[in-house]
Amino acid sequence: MRLEFVLLALLLAAQEPPIIVTGERPNAEQIHREAHDFVESHAVRTRIGQYARWHVPICVRTWGLPLELNARISNRVMDIADSIGIRTNRADPCRPNVRIGFTTEPQRMIRAAARRNSLIVGFHYASEGARLMRVRQPVQAWYVTTTSGDGSRNQGGVIGTETIDVAGQPVPGGRSDSRLTAGLSSGLAHVLIFADVRVAEGQDTDAIAELLAFLALAQTPVAEACNDSDTIVNLMNPACPPERRPVALTRADTAYLRALYEMNATIIAQHQRGDLVTHMVREMESPPPAHPE
């Protein structure tokens, strides 16, 4: 056997076979189920049955930490809002409509805030007040929502303008004659978030900012258990084991936020949920953005 053939054979034998990594992409049914379950566990219906979102620029103000960290968290929340397509107001000063407070006494602080302004804890009936103000998570948010009409009159003769959702007060008029649009939309007017600084101590600031951003941009229920979805909401939930606590917005979180701000804001309430799931599925089916090397 010629020497060059022997050397070639030895060279080929020394090479390791290529490693081929294969994986299954989630099918459409899996993605739809994941989106549906995410909406079921995260979305909160407003007074008129819709889902609230910001229709005005947000101005974020954080307090309770060193000034540098306060600014870092506020800017990160607004950076995330910008990436979703939500308008922000970074003027200094601006009138904050997202207030984030780090405190050792969140329960005392929310009670004090409610005494100063009973609307600050959001729409509720009298029987729900005590539960609404009870702090149940280390990071918890309270939402003031609005209803905007199309200019028509409601049964009480109120012309359709934007009103704060308050129990016992009429909402603006809409379009009761349409099966497609209600002529009404739900919005966010103010978000108050308290974070227990004793629990937050030792946590990564950027991770906390991502959680705060999600809570600030989407009305989210107070968790009673660890969420089954892969979500930043689990970050500081004591019911979640460490492996279930993402330190950044997950793909599902981002898809949900984008879907919330892309869905039709004025379609009738019973159709809006389906629209939200549809938009979220579309976001989750799109390929993830490439990371620069």
Foldseek 3Di string as FASTA:
>chain_A
DDPVVVVVVVVVVPDDDDDDDDDDDDDLVVLLVQLLLCCVQWFDADPQQAWAFAPDAAQEFEDDDPPVLRVVLRVLLVVLCVVLVGHHDPDVVDDHQEYEYEDQCQLVVLVVVCVVPVCQQAEDDPVCVVVSSDDDFQKDKGFWKKKAAQQPADPVRAGGGIDTHYPPDDHHQFCPPDQWFRRMFMYTRHMYMYHHVVLCPPPDSQLVSQLSSLVGGGPTDDDPAQRPHQACVNQRGPRDDPVSHDSHGDLLSSLLSSLSVPFDRTTRNVCRSVSSSVSSSVSVPDDDDDDDD
